[in-house]
Amino acid sequence: MEDLNIRSVRFSVAVDEKFEKVARKLGRTKRLLFLQMVEYFYRSKKDPADVSDELLKNALLKNHNQYISFIRAQENMILLPIKAEVVRMSRSQRDIIERFNNDILKHNASLLDRQQAQTSAIIQMGKLLEELIGRSKKADVLKSQALLLVEDYAAARDALGTRASAREKSELLLALKKKIDLL
């Protein structure tokens, strides 16, 4: 088998000490770290001399600009129509509340007034009905008392018999009239 490790790189002792520290810090061998560094710079196409890393900044800026463009597109496609719809719904709700306050509350107030008027009318009718019932009872009592008087009169007249004088009959009739007046 042929040894693939035939290449060597020369560098100063100071660089070797820095290289050793970095390898120990990362927990790798110097050889593995060197291979990974070469692979990193090869893939990322970064210049190790460029400490400020302009390529990385440019890539980040490009990605940032892409994200901003995406957000703006989403804003135009989704957020602005949603906002417009929310504003429309708010106006609609305000209109509904205004109509409710104007129409329904006025209707409810008039309905309440009519109900109160009906209640007072029903109370008055109840009072009148009680008065009519009282008068009806009085009339019934008067009728029954009048019937008793008529029956007493008929009994007294029968007791007088057929031979009673006109004066006795008139006295009996006068007594009946006085009793009727007392009712």
Protein backbone atom coordinates (compact mmCIF):
# COMPACT_ATOMS: atom_id res chain seq x y z
CA MET A 1 0.00 0.00 0.00
CA GLU A 2 1.12 3.41 -0.82
CA ASP A 3 1.25 6.11 1.87
CA LEU A 4 -1.10 8.97 1.05
CA ASN A 5 0.46 11.27 3.64
CA ILE A 6 3.42 12.39 1.57
CA ARG A 7 2.79 16.13 1.56
CA SER A 8 3.99 18.44 4.28
CA VAL A 9 3.47 22.09 5.16
CA ARG A 10 6.10 24.13 6.93
CA PHE A 11 5.22 26.91 9.35
CA SER A 12 6.83 28.69 12.28
CA VAL A 13 6.86 27.52 15.91
CA ALA A 14 4.52 30.39 16.94
CA VAL A 15 1.95 29.30 14.35
CA ASP A 16 2.40 25.68 15.52
CA GLU A 17 1.64 26.72 19.10
CA LYS A 18 -1.54 28.56 17.98
CA PHE A 19 -2.49 25.56 15.85
CA GLU A 20 -1.93 23.23 18.83
CA LYS A 21 -4.10 25.42 21.10
CA VAL A 22 -6.96 25.49 18.58
CA ALA A 23 -6.77 21.69 18.10
CA ARG A 24 -6.82 21.09 21.89
CA LYS A 25 -9.70 23.54 22.36
CA LEU A 26 -11.76 21.74 19.71
CA GLY A 27 -10.69 18.27 20.93
CA ARG A 28 -9.19 17.16 17.62
CA THR A 29 -5.82 16.18 16.30
CA LYS A 30 -3.86 18.74 14.38
CA ARG A 31 -4.04 16.60 11.25
CA LEU A 32 -7.89 16.25 11.50
CA LEU A 33 -8.29 19.95 12.22
CA PHE A 34 -6.12 20.84 9.19
CA LEU A 35 -8.21 18.55 6.93
CA GLN A 36 -11.45 20.12 8.25
CA MET A 37 -10.11 23.65 7.73
CA VAL A 38 -9.18 22.90 4.14
CA GLU A 39 -12.60 21.34 3.51
CA TYR A 40 -14.35 24.34 5.15
CA PHE A 41 -12.52 26.92 3.05
CA TYR A 42 -12.99 24.83 -0.08
CA ARG A 43 -16.77 24.48 0.38
CA SER A 44 -17.54 27.95 1.69
CA LYS A 45 -15.23 29.66 -0.81
CA LYS A 46 -14.16 32.05 1.94
CA ASP A 47 -10.87 33.83 1.93
CA PRO A 48 -9.00 33.12 5.20
CA ALA A 49 -7.24 36.48 4.81
CA ASP A 50 -10.60 38.26 4.96
CA VAL A 51 -11.09 38.50 8.74
CA SER A 52 -14.21 40.66 8.49
CA ASP A 53 -15.79 38.00 6.26
CA GLU A 54 -17.47 40.16 3.61
CA LEU A 55 -18.84 37.11 1.80
CA LEU A 56 -20.68 36.02 4.93
CA LYS A 57 -22.04 39.52 5.44
CA ASN A 58 -23.17 39.68 1.82
CA ALA A 59 -24.83 36.26 2.09
CA LEU A 60 -26.60 37.26 5.30
CA LEU A 61 -27.67 40.55 3.77
CA LYS A 62 -28.98 38.75 0.70
CA ASN A 63 -30.95 36.30 2.90
CA HIS A 64 -32.21 39.17 5.01
CA ASN A 65 -33.41 41.01 1.92
CA GLN A 66 -35.13 37.84 0.69
CA TYR A 67 -36.92 37.48 4.05
CA ILE A 68 -38.01 41.11 3.99
CA SER A 69 -39.32 40.68 0.43
CA PHE A 70 -41.20 37.55 1.48
CA ILE A 71 -42.72 39.33 4.49
CA ARG A 72 -43.76 42.29 2.34
CA ALA A 73 -45.36 39.96 -0.20
CA GLN A 74 -47.22 38.17 2.61
CA GLU A 75 -48.28 41.53 3.98
CA ASN A 76 -49.73 42.55 0.63
CA MET A 77 -51.36 39.19 -0.03
CA ILE A 78 -52.65 38.33 3.44
CA LEU A 79 -52.29 41.00 6.11
CA LEU A 80 -53.65 44.00 4.20
CA PRO A 81 -56.80 42.15 3.03
CA ILE A 82 -57.33 40.89 6.58
CA LYS A 83 -56.92 44.41 7.94
CA ALA A 84 -59.39 45.77 5.36
CA GLU A 85 -61.88 43.03 6.27
CA VAL A 86 -61.49 43.75 9.99
CA VAL A 87 -62.12 47.45 9.35
CA ARG A 88 -65.21 46.58 7.29
CA MET A 89 -66.49 44.27 10.03
CA SER A 90 -65.86 46.95 12.66
CA ARG A 91 -67.91 49.45 10.66
CA SER A 92 -70.64 46.88 10.21
CA GLN A 93 -70.70 46.13 13.94
CA ARG A 94 -70.82 49.86 14.69
CA ASP A 95 -73.77 50.24 12.29
CA ILE A 96 -75.56 47.30 13.89
CA ILE A 97 -75.04 48.73 17.38
CA GLU A 98 -76.21 52.16 16.23
CA ARG A 99 -79.34 50.71 14.64
CA PHE A 100 -79.94 48.62 17.74
CA ASN A 101 -79.62 51.68 19.93
CA ASN A 102 -81.87 53.77 17.68
CA ASP A 103 -84.57 51.30 16.70
CA ILE A 104 -84.69 48.44 19.17
CA LEU A 105 -84.23 50.49 22.33
CA LYS A 106 -86.91 52.97 21.20
CA HIS A 107 -89.22 50.08 20.35
CA ASN A 108 -88.56 48.50 23.74
CA ALA A 109 -89.27 51.81 25.49
CA SER A 110 -92.58 52.23 23.65
CA LEU A 111 -93.45 48.60 24.33
CA LEU A 112 -92.75 49.12 28.02
CA ASP A 113 -94.94 52.25 28.02
CA ARG A 114 -97.77 50.32 26.37
CA GLN A 115 -97.38 47.49 28.87
CA GLN A 116 -97.57 49.95 31.75
CA ALA A 117 -100.68 51.51 30.20
CA GLN A 118 -102.22 48.05 29.86
CA THR A 119 -101.34 47.25 33.45
CA SER A 120 -103.00 50.41 34.73
CA ALA A 121 -106.05 49.71 32.54
CA ILE A 122 -106.26 46.16 33.90
CA ILE A 123 -106.01 47.49 37.47
CA GLN A 124 -108.84 49.94 36.75
CA MET A 125 -110.94 47.17 35.20
CA GLY A 126 -110.29 45.05 38.28
CA LYS A 127 -111.51 47.85 40.54
CA LEU A 128 -114.60 48.37 38.38
CA LEU A 129 -115.27 44.63 38.38
CA GLU A 130 -115.02 44.53 42.16
CA GLU A 131 -117.43 47.45 42.37
CA LEU A 132 -119.84 45.73 39.96
CA ILE A 133 -119.62 42.52 41.93
CA GLY A 134 -120.28 44.49 45.14
CA ARG A 135 -123.27 46.18 43.56
CA SER A 136 -124.48 42.85 42.22
CA LYS A 137 -124.26 41.38 45.69
CA LYS A 138 -126.17 44.37 47.06
CA ALA A 139 -128.81 43.91 44.36
CA ASP A 140 -129.06 40.20 45.20
CA VAL A 141 -129.43 41.03 48.89
CA LEU A 142 -132.08 43.65 48.06
CA LYS A 143 -133.95 41.16 45.89
CA SER A 144 -133.92 38.53 48.60
CA GLN A 145 -135.05 41.08 51.22
CA ALA A 146 -137.75 42.31 48.84
CA LEU A 147 -138.93 38.75 48.31
CA LEU A 148 -139.09 38.28 52.09
CA LEU A 149 -141.12 41.46 52.41
CA VAL A 150 -143.49 40.34 49.66
CA GLU A 151 -143.85 36.96 51.31
CA ASP A 152 -144.50 38.64 54.69
CA TYR A 153 -147.07 40.91 53.02
CA ALA A 154 -148.77 37.95 51.33
CA ALA A 155 -148.81 36.02 54.60
CA ALA A 156 -150.19 39.00 56.52
CA ARG A 157 -152.84 39.63 53.86
CA ASP A 158 -153.86 36.00 53.93
CA ALA A 159 -154.03 36.20 57.69
CA LEU A 160 -156.44 39.13 57.39
CA GLY A 161 -158.66 36.99 55.29
CA THR A 162 -161.33 38.00 52.84
CA ARG A 163 -163.32 40.02 55.34
CA ALA A 164 -160.59 42.51 56.05
CA SER A 165 -161.51 46.10 55.81
CA ALA A 166 -160.02 48.48 53.31
CA ARG A 167 -158.33 50.34 56.15
CA GLU A 168 -156.52 47.23 57.36
CA LYS A 169 -155.45 46.45 53.82
CA SER A 170 -154.14 50.01 53.34
CA GLU A 171 -152.30 49.85 56.70
CA LEU A 172 -150.72 46.59 55.62
CA LEU A 173 -149.69 48.16 52.30
CA LEU A 174 -148.27 51.23 54.11
CA ALA A 175 -146.23 48.97 56.44
CA LEU A 176 -144.86 47.18 53.36
CA LYS A 177 -143.86 50.48 51.73
CA LYS A 178 -142.05 51.61 54.92
CA LYS A 179 -140.11 48.36 55.04
CA ILE A 180 -139.18 48.79 51.35
CA ASP A 181 -137.97 52.33 52.08
CA LEU A 182 -135.77 50.96 54.88
CA LEU A 183 -133.95 48.69 52.41
